[in-house]
N, C-alpha and C. Protein backbone atom coordinates (compact mmCIF):
# COMPACT_ATOMS: atom_id res chain seq x y z
N MET A 1 8.85 -6.99 -34.17
CA MET A 1 7.54 -7.03 -33.61
C MET A 1 6.46 -5.99 -34.15
N GLY A 2 7.06 -5.18 -35.18
CA GLY A 2 6.11 -4.28 -35.78
C GLY A 2 5.81 -3.20 -34.88
N TYR A 3 6.65 -2.56 -34.11
CA TYR A 3 6.29 -1.52 -33.18
C TYR A 3 6.63 -0.25 -34.09
N ASP A 4 5.64 0.94 -33.58
CA ASP A 4 5.75 2.08 -34.16
C ASP A 4 6.73 3.21 -33.59
N ARG A 5 6.80 3.12 -32.17
CA ARG A 5 7.74 3.93 -31.55
C ARG A 5 8.29 3.25 -30.48
N LEU A 6 9.66 3.58 -30.27
CA LEU A 6 10.49 2.82 -29.22
C LEU A 6 10.99 4.00 -28.17
N VAL A 7 10.74 3.27 -26.86
CA VAL A 7 10.76 4.27 -25.73
C VAL A 7 11.95 3.49 -24.91
N CYS A 8 12.90 4.18 -24.28
CA CYS A 8 13.74 3.95 -23.47
C CYS A 8 13.49 4.67 -22.03
N LEU A 9 13.39 3.94 -20.90
CA LEU A 9 12.86 4.20 -19.85
C LEU A 9 14.04 4.72 -18.65
N GLY A 10 15.30 4.94 -19.29
CA GLY A 10 16.33 5.33 -18.29
C GLY A 10 17.42 4.18 -18.01
N ASP A 11 18.43 4.92 -17.34
CA ASP A 11 19.53 3.86 -17.10
C ASP A 11 20.26 3.29 -18.17
N ILE A 12 20.72 4.12 -19.20
CA ILE A 12 21.38 3.51 -20.45
C ILE A 12 22.81 3.34 -19.92
N VAL A 13 23.28 3.99 -19.12
CA VAL A 13 24.67 3.69 -18.41
C VAL A 13 24.73 3.34 -17.03
N GLY A 14 25.50 2.82 -16.42
CA GLY A 14 25.56 2.31 -15.03
C GLY A 14 26.49 1.06 -14.70
N TYR A 15 26.06 0.01 -14.79
CA TYR A 15 26.75 -1.14 -14.67
C TYR A 15 27.42 -2.05 -15.54
N GLY A 16 27.18 -1.75 -16.79
CA GLY A 16 27.80 -2.45 -18.12
C GLY A 16 28.93 -1.82 -18.41
N ALA A 17 29.68 -2.58 -19.29
CA ALA A 17 30.86 -2.27 -19.73
C ALA A 17 30.95 -1.59 -21.24
N ASN A 18 29.68 -1.34 -21.86
CA ASN A 18 29.62 -0.66 -22.87
C ASN A 18 28.61 0.69 -22.91
N PRO A 19 28.97 1.65 -21.97
CA PRO A 19 27.94 2.72 -21.77
C PRO A 19 27.87 3.57 -23.16
N GLU A 20 29.10 3.59 -23.76
CA GLU A 20 29.12 4.75 -25.07
C GLU A 20 28.28 4.06 -26.28
N GLU A 21 28.59 2.86 -26.35
CA GLU A 21 27.82 2.21 -27.40
C GLU A 21 26.35 2.14 -27.05
N CYS A 22 25.94 1.86 -25.80
CA CYS A 22 24.36 1.73 -25.60
C CYS A 22 23.87 3.10 -25.80
N ALA A 23 24.38 4.24 -25.35
CA ALA A 23 23.96 5.57 -25.44
C ALA A 23 23.90 5.94 -27.14
N THR A 24 24.80 5.44 -27.61
CA THR A 24 24.65 5.66 -29.37
C THR A 24 23.47 5.09 -29.79
N VAL A 25 23.20 3.93 -29.39
CA VAL A 25 22.17 3.17 -30.08
C VAL A 25 21.03 3.77 -29.60
N ILE A 26 20.60 4.12 -28.32
CA ILE A 26 19.48 4.72 -28.03
C ILE A 26 19.28 6.21 -28.59
N ARG A 27 20.46 6.88 -28.75
CA ARG A 27 20.30 8.27 -29.31
C ARG A 27 19.69 8.15 -30.96
N GLU A 28 20.20 7.03 -31.52
CA GLU A 28 19.90 6.75 -33.01
C GLU A 28 18.31 6.11 -33.06
N LYS A 29 17.98 5.50 -32.16
CA LYS A 29 16.71 4.33 -32.39
C LYS A 29 15.50 4.80 -31.42
N ALA A 30 15.83 5.25 -30.55
CA ALA A 30 14.73 5.69 -29.59
C ALA A 30 13.90 6.98 -30.01
N ASP A 31 12.60 6.88 -29.98
CA ASP A 31 11.82 8.06 -30.24
C ASP A 31 11.68 9.00 -28.91
N ILE A 32 11.56 8.10 -27.86
CA ILE A 32 11.71 9.00 -26.42
C ILE A 32 12.69 8.24 -25.49
N CYS A 33 13.27 9.17 -24.78
CA CYS A 33 14.45 8.63 -23.78
C CYS A 33 14.20 9.42 -22.53
N ILE A 34 14.11 8.62 -21.68
CA ILE A 34 13.79 9.30 -20.08
C ILE A 34 15.10 9.00 -19.51
N LEU A 35 15.34 10.05 -18.39
CA LEU A 35 16.44 10.23 -17.76
C LEU A 35 16.32 9.09 -16.53
N GLY A 36 17.44 8.19 -16.33
CA GLY A 36 17.41 7.31 -15.09
C GLY A 36 18.27 7.96 -14.30
N ASN A 37 18.20 7.43 -12.90
CA ASN A 37 19.23 7.78 -11.92
C ASN A 37 20.66 7.74 -12.24
N HIS A 38 20.98 6.50 -12.87
CA HIS A 38 22.25 6.27 -13.34
C HIS A 38 22.64 7.15 -14.20
N ASP A 39 21.83 7.60 -15.14
CA ASP A 39 22.11 8.70 -16.35
C ASP A 39 22.24 10.01 -15.67
N ALA A 40 21.57 10.32 -14.45
CA ALA A 40 21.65 11.46 -13.85
C ALA A 40 22.84 11.65 -13.04
N ALA A 41 23.45 10.53 -12.48
CA ALA A 41 24.61 10.57 -11.77
C ALA A 41 25.82 10.87 -12.67
N VAL A 42 25.83 10.00 -13.86
CA VAL A 42 26.98 10.37 -14.71
C VAL A 42 27.02 11.74 -15.08
N ALA A 43 25.85 12.17 -15.50
CA ALA A 43 25.68 13.66 -16.02
C ALA A 43 26.04 14.75 -15.08
N GLY A 44 26.18 14.27 -13.92
CA GLY A 44 26.29 15.48 -12.90
C GLY A 44 24.97 16.09 -12.42
N ARG A 45 23.96 15.57 -12.67
CA ARG A 45 22.50 15.85 -12.20
C ARG A 45 22.06 15.39 -10.86
N MET A 46 22.71 14.52 -10.20
CA MET A 46 22.42 14.22 -8.96
C MET A 46 23.64 14.04 -8.22
N ASP A 47 23.68 13.84 -6.86
CA ASP A 47 24.77 13.37 -5.97
C ASP A 47 24.49 11.83 -5.80
N TYR A 48 25.60 11.28 -6.01
CA TYR A 48 25.47 9.79 -5.68
C TYR A 48 26.80 9.29 -4.64
N ASP A 49 27.21 10.06 -3.86
CA ASP A 49 27.95 9.91 -2.60
C ASP A 49 27.60 8.82 -1.62
N TYR A 50 26.16 8.67 -1.57
CA TYR A 50 25.59 7.80 -0.64
C TYR A 50 25.60 6.29 -1.32
N TYR A 51 25.60 6.10 -2.59
CA TYR A 51 25.64 5.01 -3.11
C TYR A 51 26.58 3.98 -2.58
N TYR A 52 26.58 2.73 -2.48
CA TYR A 52 27.72 2.06 -2.05
C TYR A 52 28.65 1.91 -3.06
N ALA A 53 30.03 1.61 -2.44
CA ALA A 53 31.31 1.91 -3.07
C ALA A 53 31.38 1.27 -4.70
N ALA A 54 30.98 0.01 -4.58
CA ALA A 54 31.14 -0.53 -6.06
C ALA A 54 30.25 0.06 -7.05
N ALA A 55 29.03 0.64 -6.51
CA ALA A 55 28.37 1.23 -7.41
C ALA A 55 28.96 2.93 -7.83
N ARG A 56 29.23 3.43 -6.93
CA ARG A 56 30.13 4.68 -7.18
C ARG A 56 31.27 4.61 -8.01
N GLU A 57 32.01 3.45 -7.83
CA GLU A 57 33.15 3.31 -8.76
C GLU A 57 32.70 3.11 -10.19
N ALA A 58 31.50 2.33 -10.30
CA ALA A 58 31.18 1.95 -11.55
C ALA A 58 30.55 3.37 -12.43
N LEU A 59 29.82 4.16 -11.53
CA LEU A 59 29.52 5.49 -12.08
C LEU A 59 30.77 6.39 -12.44
N ASP A 60 31.57 6.27 -11.50
CA ASP A 60 33.01 7.10 -12.00
C ASP A 60 33.60 6.68 -13.13
N TRP A 61 33.49 5.19 -13.16
CA TRP A 61 34.22 4.73 -14.63
C TRP A 61 33.42 5.08 -15.78
N CYS A 62 32.10 4.95 -15.68
CA CYS A 62 31.36 5.40 -16.97
C CYS A 62 31.56 6.91 -17.09
N LYS A 63 31.63 7.99 -16.17
CA LYS A 63 31.63 9.08 -16.45
C LYS A 63 33.13 9.53 -17.09
N ALA A 64 34.06 8.67 -16.89
CA ALA A 64 35.34 8.94 -17.41
C ALA A 64 35.52 8.31 -18.77
N THR A 65 34.54 7.17 -19.20
CA THR A 65 34.66 6.43 -20.29
C THR A 65 33.81 7.05 -21.51
N VAL A 66 32.60 7.63 -21.11
CA VAL A 66 31.80 8.12 -22.25
C VAL A 66 32.39 9.17 -22.85
N SER A 67 31.69 9.62 -24.01
CA SER A 67 32.42 10.92 -24.70
C SER A 67 31.57 12.16 -24.17
N GLN A 68 31.99 13.24 -24.42
CA GLN A 68 31.42 14.58 -23.94
C GLN A 68 29.92 14.57 -24.75
N THR A 69 30.04 14.15 -25.91
CA THR A 69 28.52 14.15 -26.62
C THR A 69 27.60 13.30 -25.75
N THR A 70 27.97 12.06 -25.33
CA THR A 70 26.98 11.40 -24.51
C THR A 70 26.81 12.21 -23.15
N LEU A 71 27.72 12.83 -22.70
CA LEU A 71 27.46 13.60 -21.31
C LEU A 71 26.63 14.75 -21.47
N ASP A 72 26.80 15.39 -22.63
CA ASP A 72 25.89 16.33 -22.85
C ASP A 72 24.30 15.72 -23.17
N TRP A 73 24.31 14.87 -23.81
CA TRP A 73 22.81 14.24 -24.15
C TRP A 73 22.37 13.81 -22.86
N LEU A 74 23.12 13.07 -21.92
CA LEU A 74 22.37 12.65 -20.66
C LEU A 74 21.97 13.85 -19.86
N GLY A 75 22.83 14.76 -20.07
CA GLY A 75 22.69 16.17 -19.35
C GLY A 75 21.19 16.80 -19.71
N GLN A 76 20.71 16.47 -20.84
CA GLN A 76 19.31 17.10 -21.26
C GLN A 76 18.33 16.19 -21.36
N LEU A 77 18.21 14.99 -20.90
CA LEU A 77 17.18 13.89 -20.98
C LEU A 77 16.21 14.33 -19.95
N PRO A 78 14.87 14.29 -20.38
CA PRO A 78 13.60 14.60 -19.32
C PRO A 78 13.34 13.67 -18.39
N TYR A 79 12.83 14.16 -17.28
CA TYR A 79 12.50 13.17 -16.34
C TYR A 79 11.27 12.37 -16.66
N ARG A 80 10.65 12.97 -17.58
CA ARG A 80 9.11 12.25 -17.98
C ARG A 80 8.74 12.58 -19.13
N GLU A 81 8.01 12.00 -19.96
CA GLU A 81 7.29 12.45 -21.04
C GLU A 81 5.87 11.74 -21.09
N VAL A 82 5.04 12.50 -21.61
CA VAL A 82 3.38 12.15 -21.57
C VAL A 82 2.92 12.21 -23.07
N GLU A 83 2.46 11.19 -23.40
CA GLU A 83 1.89 11.24 -24.69
C GLU A 83 0.26 10.84 -24.76
N GLY A 84 -0.54 11.62 -24.68
CA GLY A 84 -1.94 11.22 -24.66
C GLY A 84 -2.24 10.79 -23.25
N ASP A 85 -2.65 9.46 -23.19
CA ASP A 85 -3.02 8.70 -21.93
C ASP A 85 -2.06 7.79 -21.25
N ILE A 86 -0.71 8.18 -21.75
CA ILE A 86 0.43 7.22 -21.63
C ILE A 86 1.42 8.18 -20.85
N ASP A 87 2.06 7.81 -19.71
CA ASP A 87 2.99 8.42 -19.08
C ASP A 87 4.33 7.69 -18.98
N PHE A 88 5.65 8.15 -19.26
CA PHE A 88 6.76 7.49 -19.16
C PHE A 88 7.68 8.14 -18.15
N CYS A 89 8.11 7.44 -17.04
CA CYS A 89 8.92 8.14 -16.15
C CYS A 89 9.98 6.79 -15.77
N HIS A 90 11.07 7.26 -15.21
CA HIS A 90 12.00 6.22 -14.57
C HIS A 90 11.52 5.45 -13.35
N GLY A 91 11.03 6.31 -12.42
CA GLY A 91 10.48 5.79 -11.24
C GLY A 91 9.14 6.29 -11.09
N SER A 92 8.72 6.59 -9.84
CA SER A 92 7.22 7.07 -9.61
C SER A 92 6.96 8.38 -10.28
N PRO A 93 5.74 8.34 -10.83
CA PRO A 93 5.29 9.27 -11.56
C PRO A 93 5.00 10.60 -10.77
N ILE A 94 5.00 10.41 -9.33
CA ILE A 94 4.92 11.76 -8.74
C ILE A 94 6.30 12.08 -8.31
N SER A 95 6.55 13.21 -8.42
CA SER A 95 7.80 13.83 -8.27
C SER A 95 8.89 12.77 -9.04
N PRO A 96 8.92 12.89 -10.43
CA PRO A 96 9.91 11.63 -11.30
C PRO A 96 11.35 12.15 -10.88
N GLU A 97 11.46 13.45 -10.58
CA GLU A 97 12.88 13.66 -10.40
C GLU A 97 13.41 13.05 -8.97
N ALA A 98 12.56 12.66 -8.14
CA ALA A 98 13.13 11.88 -6.99
C ALA A 98 13.43 10.50 -6.82
N PHE A 99 13.29 9.81 -8.07
CA PHE A 99 13.35 8.60 -8.52
C PHE A 99 13.05 7.42 -7.50
N GLU A 100 11.67 7.77 -7.18
CA GLU A 100 11.39 6.68 -6.08
C GLU A 100 10.75 5.58 -6.79
N TYR A 101 11.23 4.42 -5.92
CA TYR A 101 10.72 3.01 -6.23
C TYR A 101 9.28 2.72 -6.27
N VAL A 102 8.62 1.87 -7.24
CA VAL A 102 7.15 1.68 -7.07
C VAL A 102 7.33 0.06 -7.31
N PHE A 103 7.77 -0.81 -6.44
CA PHE A 103 7.97 -2.31 -6.84
C PHE A 103 7.27 -3.15 -5.99
N THR A 104 6.27 -2.63 -4.93
CA THR A 104 5.57 -3.49 -4.16
C THR A 104 4.03 -2.86 -4.13
N ARG A 105 3.14 -3.62 -3.73
CA ARG A 105 1.63 -3.27 -3.76
C ARG A 105 1.74 -2.13 -2.90
N GLU A 106 2.25 -2.09 -1.59
CA GLU A 106 2.21 -1.27 -0.63
C GLU A 106 2.78 0.06 -1.37
N LYS A 107 3.88 0.28 -1.97
CA LYS A 107 4.22 1.55 -2.72
C LYS A 107 3.11 1.97 -3.57
N ALA A 108 2.47 1.07 -4.33
CA ALA A 108 1.57 1.48 -5.42
C ALA A 108 0.25 2.03 -4.72
N LYS A 109 0.02 1.41 -3.41
CA LYS A 109 -1.15 2.11 -2.81
C LYS A 109 -0.85 3.46 -2.41
N GLU A 110 0.61 4.01 -2.08
CA GLU A 110 0.79 5.31 -1.66
C GLU A 110 0.40 6.25 -2.80
N LEU A 111 0.21 5.64 -4.03
CA LEU A 111 -0.24 6.55 -5.31
C LEU A 111 -1.76 7.02 -5.41
N LEU A 112 -2.57 6.31 -4.56
CA LEU A 112 -3.87 6.34 -4.52
C LEU A 112 -4.49 7.80 -4.40
N PRO A 113 -3.75 8.53 -3.34
CA PRO A 113 -4.37 10.03 -3.35
C PRO A 113 -3.86 10.82 -4.47
N PHE A 114 -3.06 10.34 -5.30
CA PHE A 114 -2.69 11.23 -6.54
C PHE A 114 -3.33 10.68 -7.91
N ARG A 115 -4.22 9.87 -7.81
CA ARG A 115 -4.85 9.16 -8.87
C ARG A 115 -5.41 10.09 -9.91
N ASP A 116 -5.59 11.45 -9.68
CA ASP A 116 -5.93 12.41 -10.33
C ASP A 116 -4.82 12.89 -11.32
N GLN A 117 -3.71 12.57 -10.91
CA GLN A 117 -2.40 13.22 -11.64
C GLN A 117 -1.91 11.82 -12.68
N LEU A 118 -2.40 10.56 -12.42
CA LEU A 118 -2.01 9.54 -13.27
C LEU A 118 -2.74 9.49 -14.64
N LYS A 119 -1.98 9.13 -15.49
CA LYS A 119 -2.58 8.72 -16.81
C LYS A 119 -3.04 7.30 -16.71
N ARG A 120 -3.68 6.89 -17.81
CA ARG A 120 -4.30 5.54 -17.75
C ARG A 120 -3.21 4.55 -17.79
N VAL A 121 -2.07 4.71 -18.50
CA VAL A 121 -1.06 3.67 -18.09
C VAL A 121 0.41 4.48 -17.94
N THR A 122 1.06 4.28 -16.93
CA THR A 122 2.39 4.87 -16.70
C THR A 122 3.18 3.74 -16.75
N PHE A 123 4.35 3.75 -17.44
CA PHE A 123 5.46 2.78 -17.91
C PHE A 123 6.71 3.41 -17.04
N ILE A 124 7.32 2.62 -16.03
CA ILE A 124 8.45 3.01 -15.26
C ILE A 124 9.47 1.74 -15.61
N GLY A 125 10.83 2.16 -15.09
CA GLY A 125 11.90 1.21 -15.15
C GLY A 125 12.09 1.01 -13.62
N HIS A 126 13.61 1.45 -13.39
CA HIS A 126 14.30 1.93 -12.08
C HIS A 126 14.49 0.42 -11.21
N SER A 127 13.35 -0.27 -10.94
CA SER A 127 13.72 -1.69 -10.31
C SER A 127 14.34 -2.60 -10.96
N HIS A 128 14.20 -2.67 -12.25
CA HIS A 128 14.63 -3.65 -13.23
C HIS A 128 13.93 -4.87 -13.09
N LEU A 129 12.66 -4.79 -12.63
CA LEU A 129 11.71 -5.95 -12.50
C LEU A 129 10.56 -5.90 -13.53
N THR A 130 9.67 -6.88 -13.35
CA THR A 130 8.40 -7.04 -13.99
C THR A 130 7.16 -7.06 -13.31
N ARG A 131 6.88 -5.79 -12.67
CA ARG A 131 5.84 -5.63 -11.71
C ARG A 131 4.89 -4.83 -12.37
N THR A 132 3.50 -5.22 -12.24
CA THR A 132 2.48 -4.17 -12.80
C THR A 132 1.26 -4.18 -11.72
N PHE A 133 1.00 -3.04 -11.60
CA PHE A 133 -0.13 -2.61 -10.50
C PHE A 133 -1.37 -1.87 -11.18
N ALA A 134 -2.52 -2.48 -10.86
CA ALA A 134 -3.63 -1.56 -11.30
C ALA A 134 -4.55 -0.92 -10.12
N LEU A 135 -4.67 0.41 -10.29
CA LEU A 135 -5.28 1.26 -9.25
C LEU A 135 -6.76 1.52 -9.67
N ASN A 136 -7.48 1.33 -8.58
CA ASN A 136 -9.06 2.02 -8.89
C ASN A 136 -9.32 2.97 -7.74
N GLU A 137 -10.35 3.34 -7.41
CA GLU A 137 -10.39 4.64 -6.66
C GLU A 137 -10.08 4.31 -5.01
N SER A 138 -10.04 3.08 -4.77
CA SER A 138 -9.74 2.67 -3.32
C SER A 138 -8.40 1.60 -3.03
N GLU A 139 -8.12 1.07 -4.13
CA GLU A 139 -7.05 -0.21 -3.78
C GLU A 139 -6.16 -0.11 -4.96
N ALA A 140 -4.88 -0.77 -4.71
CA ALA A 140 -4.09 -1.00 -5.80
C ALA A 140 -3.90 -2.45 -5.76
N TYR A 141 -3.86 -3.25 -6.66
CA TYR A 141 -3.86 -4.87 -7.08
C TYR A 141 -2.64 -5.03 -7.83
N ASN A 142 -1.85 -6.34 -7.68
CA ASN A 142 -1.12 -6.78 -8.38
C ASN A 142 -1.69 -7.42 -9.68
N VAL A 143 -1.05 -7.38 -10.85
CA VAL A 143 -1.43 -7.86 -11.96
C VAL A 143 -0.30 -8.75 -12.29
N ARG A 144 -0.96 -9.95 -12.69
CA ARG A 144 -0.10 -11.24 -12.85
C ARG A 144 0.15 -11.53 -14.40
N GLY A 145 0.90 -12.21 -14.68
CA GLY A 145 1.09 -12.77 -16.18
C GLY A 145 2.01 -11.78 -16.99
N THR A 146 2.26 -12.57 -18.01
CA THR A 146 3.45 -11.85 -19.02
C THR A 146 2.64 -10.89 -20.22
N GLU A 147 1.29 -11.14 -20.15
CA GLU A 147 0.56 -10.42 -21.31
C GLU A 147 -0.77 -10.40 -20.56
N PHE A 148 -1.40 -9.06 -20.81
CA PHE A 148 -2.66 -8.83 -20.33
C PHE A 148 -3.51 -7.51 -20.82
N PRO A 149 -4.79 -7.43 -20.87
CA PRO A 149 -5.38 -6.29 -21.28
C PRO A 149 -5.30 -5.19 -20.43
N VAL A 150 -5.29 -3.96 -20.74
CA VAL A 150 -5.41 -2.93 -19.78
C VAL A 150 -6.79 -2.46 -19.86
N ARG A 151 -7.51 -2.87 -18.55
CA ARG A 151 -8.91 -2.65 -18.32
C ARG A 151 -9.52 -1.27 -18.10
N GLU A 152 -10.67 -1.06 -18.72
CA GLU A 152 -11.26 0.30 -18.26
C GLU A 152 -11.41 0.38 -16.74
N GLY A 153 -11.35 1.49 -16.26
CA GLY A 153 -11.68 1.91 -14.89
C GLY A 153 -10.51 1.76 -14.12
N TYR A 154 -9.45 1.34 -14.58
CA TYR A 154 -8.04 1.30 -13.69
C TYR A 154 -6.89 1.98 -14.42
N GLN A 155 -5.96 2.68 -13.37
CA GLN A 155 -4.65 3.19 -13.95
C GLN A 155 -3.89 2.24 -13.76
N TYR A 156 -2.79 2.14 -14.63
CA TYR A 156 -1.60 0.96 -14.45
C TYR A 156 -0.39 1.56 -14.35
N ILE A 157 0.28 0.90 -13.48
CA ILE A 157 1.86 1.31 -13.34
C ILE A 157 2.49 -0.02 -13.87
N ILE A 158 3.27 0.12 -14.76
CA ILE A 158 3.86 -1.00 -15.41
C ILE A 158 5.30 -1.01 -15.43
N THR A 159 5.83 -1.72 -14.86
CA THR A 159 7.53 -1.80 -14.86
C THR A 159 7.96 -2.67 -16.06
N ALA A 160 8.62 -1.96 -16.89
CA ALA A 160 9.01 -2.49 -18.07
C ALA A 160 9.86 -3.72 -18.21
N GLY A 161 10.55 -4.05 -17.12
CA GLY A 161 11.74 -5.09 -17.33
C GLY A 161 12.93 -4.33 -17.59
N SER A 162 13.96 -5.06 -17.73
CA SER A 162 15.10 -4.60 -18.06
C SER A 162 16.09 -5.29 -19.19
N VAL A 163 16.70 -4.37 -19.95
CA VAL A 163 17.43 -4.94 -20.99
C VAL A 163 18.89 -5.38 -20.77
N GLY A 164 19.10 -6.41 -20.28
CA GLY A 164 20.68 -6.65 -19.72
C GLY A 164 21.16 -6.64 -18.29
N GLN A 165 20.06 -6.15 -17.60
CA GLN A 165 20.17 -6.21 -15.93
C GLN A 165 18.94 -6.46 -15.16
N PRO A 166 18.39 -7.57 -15.54
CA PRO A 166 17.09 -8.07 -15.01
C PRO A 166 17.30 -8.34 -13.63
N ARG A 167 16.19 -8.27 -12.68
CA ARG A 167 16.31 -8.49 -11.40
C ARG A 167 15.22 -9.49 -10.91
N ASP A 168 14.53 -10.18 -12.03
CA ASP A 168 13.50 -11.18 -11.65
C ASP A 168 13.64 -12.48 -11.86
N TYR A 169 14.97 -12.86 -11.73
CA TYR A 169 15.55 -14.06 -11.93
C TYR A 169 15.15 -14.90 -13.02
N ASP A 170 15.11 -14.08 -14.28
CA ASP A 170 15.19 -14.49 -15.53
C ASP A 170 16.24 -13.65 -16.47
N PRO A 171 17.41 -14.32 -16.53
CA PRO A 171 18.48 -13.79 -17.16
C PRO A 171 18.51 -13.33 -18.53
N ARG A 172 17.34 -13.47 -19.07
CA ARG A 172 17.14 -12.96 -20.51
C ARG A 172 16.81 -11.46 -20.39
N SER A 173 17.11 -10.73 -21.53
CA SER A 173 16.86 -9.48 -21.85
C SER A 173 15.22 -9.31 -21.91
N CYS A 174 14.94 -8.23 -21.33
CA CYS A 174 13.55 -8.06 -21.15
C CYS A 174 13.08 -6.56 -21.57
N ALA A 175 11.99 -6.52 -22.19
CA ALA A 175 11.32 -5.29 -22.79
C ALA A 175 10.05 -5.52 -22.82
N CYS A 176 9.10 -4.60 -23.44
CA CYS A 176 7.67 -5.02 -23.63
C CYS A 176 7.03 -4.23 -24.65
N ILE A 177 5.84 -4.33 -25.04
CA ILE A 177 5.29 -3.83 -26.17
C ILE A 177 3.88 -3.71 -25.91
N TYR A 178 3.29 -2.61 -26.00
CA TYR A 178 1.98 -1.97 -25.85
C TYR A 178 1.25 -1.62 -27.01
N ASP A 179 0.10 -2.26 -27.24
CA ASP A 179 -0.78 -1.87 -28.33
C ASP A 179 -1.73 -0.70 -27.98
N THR A 180 -1.44 0.38 -28.61
CA THR A 180 -2.26 1.51 -28.26
C THR A 180 -3.75 1.47 -28.75
N ALA A 181 -3.90 0.76 -29.70
CA ALA A 181 -5.23 0.41 -30.42
C ALA A 181 -6.02 -0.46 -29.61
N THR A 182 -5.60 -1.54 -29.18
CA THR A 182 -6.15 -2.53 -28.64
C THR A 182 -6.32 -2.57 -27.19
N ALA A 183 -5.06 -1.73 -26.47
CA ALA A 183 -4.87 -1.71 -25.13
C ALA A 183 -4.49 -3.07 -24.44
N GLU A 184 -3.66 -3.65 -25.34
CA GLU A 184 -3.05 -5.02 -25.04
C GLU A 184 -1.54 -5.06 -24.62
N PHE A 185 -1.18 -5.57 -23.57
CA PHE A 185 0.30 -5.47 -23.10
C PHE A 185 1.03 -6.72 -23.11
N LYS A 186 2.24 -6.71 -23.27
CA LYS A 186 3.20 -8.11 -23.37
C LYS A 186 4.52 -7.81 -22.96
N TYR A 187 5.05 -8.59 -22.29
CA TYR A 187 6.51 -8.75 -22.13
C TYR A 187 7.19 -9.41 -23.09
N ILE A 188 8.20 -9.14 -23.30
CA ILE A 188 9.19 -9.71 -24.63
C ILE A 188 10.44 -10.15 -23.87
N ARG A 189 10.81 -11.32 -23.98
CA ARG A 189 12.29 -11.80 -23.49
C ARG A 189 13.04 -12.24 -24.90
N SER A 190 14.39 -12.01 -24.81
CA SER A 190 15.30 -12.23 -25.76
C SER A 190 16.62 -12.76 -25.32
N GLU A 191 17.17 -13.69 -25.82
CA GLU A 191 18.31 -14.21 -25.51
C GLU A 191 19.47 -13.56 -26.06
N TYR A 192 20.62 -13.29 -25.36
CA TYR A 192 22.03 -12.70 -25.78
C TYR A 192 22.98 -13.48 -25.12
N ASP A 193 24.23 -13.22 -25.42
CA ASP A 193 25.50 -13.93 -24.95
C ASP A 193 25.80 -13.05 -23.46
N ILE A 194 25.31 -13.70 -22.34
CA ILE A 194 25.54 -13.31 -21.34
C ILE A 194 26.85 -13.34 -20.79
N HIS A 195 27.49 -14.51 -21.14
CA HIS A 195 28.93 -14.74 -20.67
C HIS A 195 29.78 -13.73 -21.21
N ALA A 196 29.47 -13.40 -22.57
CA ALA A 196 30.49 -12.39 -23.20
C ALA A 196 30.24 -11.13 -22.43
N GLN A 197 29.00 -10.77 -22.27
CA GLN A 197 28.75 -9.38 -21.38
C GLN A 197 29.25 -9.48 -20.04
N MET A 198 29.41 -10.75 -19.21
CA MET A 198 30.00 -10.65 -17.86
C MET A 198 31.33 -10.57 -18.28
N GLN A 199 32.13 -11.04 -19.16
CA GLN A 199 33.55 -10.90 -19.25
C GLN A 199 33.96 -9.64 -19.52
N LYS A 200 33.22 -8.72 -20.26
CA LYS A 200 33.49 -7.53 -20.51
C LYS A 200 33.48 -6.67 -19.35
N ILE A 201 32.42 -6.82 -18.41
CA ILE A 201 32.55 -6.23 -17.36
C ILE A 201 33.59 -6.33 -16.26
N LEU A 202 34.05 -7.41 -16.15
CA LEU A 202 35.23 -8.05 -15.42
C LEU A 202 36.45 -7.26 -16.08
N ASP A 203 36.57 -7.28 -17.44
CA ASP A 203 37.78 -7.03 -18.14
C ASP A 203 37.78 -5.48 -17.97
N ALA A 204 36.60 -4.66 -17.71
CA ALA A 204 36.47 -3.26 -17.39
C ALA A 204 37.01 -2.81 -15.99
N GLY A 205 37.28 -3.97 -15.08
CA GLY A 205 37.59 -3.56 -13.81
C GLY A 205 36.47 -3.11 -12.91
N LEU A 206 35.22 -3.52 -13.36
CA LEU A 206 34.12 -3.18 -12.59
C LEU A 206 33.79 -4.37 -11.61
N ALA A 207 32.93 -4.10 -10.58
CA ALA A 207 32.74 -5.00 -9.55
C ALA A 207 32.27 -6.51 -10.35
N TYR A 208 32.72 -7.69 -9.54
CA TYR A 208 32.43 -9.02 -10.00
C TYR A 208 31.06 -9.18 -10.15
N ASN A 209 30.37 -8.79 -8.98
CA ASN A 209 29.06 -8.82 -8.84
C ASN A 209 28.22 -8.36 -9.94
N PHE A 210 28.63 -7.30 -10.63
CA PHE A 210 27.84 -6.70 -11.55
C PHE A 210 27.93 -7.52 -12.94
N GLY A 211 28.63 -8.39 -12.99
CA GLY A 211 28.86 -9.32 -13.99
C GLY A 211 28.23 -10.68 -13.83
N ALA A 212 28.42 -11.21 -12.59
CA ALA A 212 28.00 -12.61 -12.26
C ALA A 212 26.50 -12.53 -12.17
N ARG A 213 25.94 -11.42 -11.75
CA ARG A 213 24.50 -11.52 -11.34
C ARG A 213 23.67 -11.55 -12.75
N LEU A 214 24.31 -11.53 -13.87
CA LEU A 214 23.57 -11.47 -15.22
C LEU A 214 23.27 -12.94 -15.41
N LEU A 215 23.95 -14.01 -14.77
CA LEU A 215 23.78 -15.47 -15.01
C LEU A 215 22.54 -15.72 -14.49
N VAL A 216 22.04 -15.01 -13.57
CA VAL A 216 20.85 -15.41 -12.68
C VAL A 216 19.69 -14.49 -12.94
N GLY A 217 20.27 -13.37 -13.08
CA GLY A 217 19.01 -12.06 -13.43
C GLY A 217 18.66 -11.81 -11.97
N VAL A 218 19.62 -11.42 -11.08
CA VAL A 218 19.23 -10.50 -9.79
C VAL A 218 20.19 -9.44 -9.53
């Protein structure tokens, strides 16, 4: 795609069967990597006792599976990074350490009182969705489409999709590319061997649902 910088918005580990390999790839290739809530849980930076049983078991398995190098690396990842007029967070840019979701227009509207703290574009992950919101002084709007220009006079919250664990009913892997020169945004989908990844999850003894939902992207 001819990109200049690669950013990972967190949750490198969690429900998949290759947490060590994923962490290694991101360490080698990403220019910026943000802490996700699953990364924080595995690194001992947050309590996950309130997670449902299958999620707790997956995180416990990850913690026991990854290397000390990966645990140390997860332990020092930042909650956010800012570059110029772009903000990178896992969840809401307001108190990013709280990992709040922003996946509805109503949640986006809750950011209006904090517009002076928002950059022109904020990229988030967390929900595994492909939702975008544009905020002006008084309203938050849904932005439709797989590609669009970032317009003057608005601040954007863009959910970047998910590589390998989508929740938007498209099972393909999803990432995005943003041209900082033209302010053009685009989602990128790519095929991968979903059945092989599902089988790895099952072979690891993780919950059946974590593998089966890959087939439909939920």
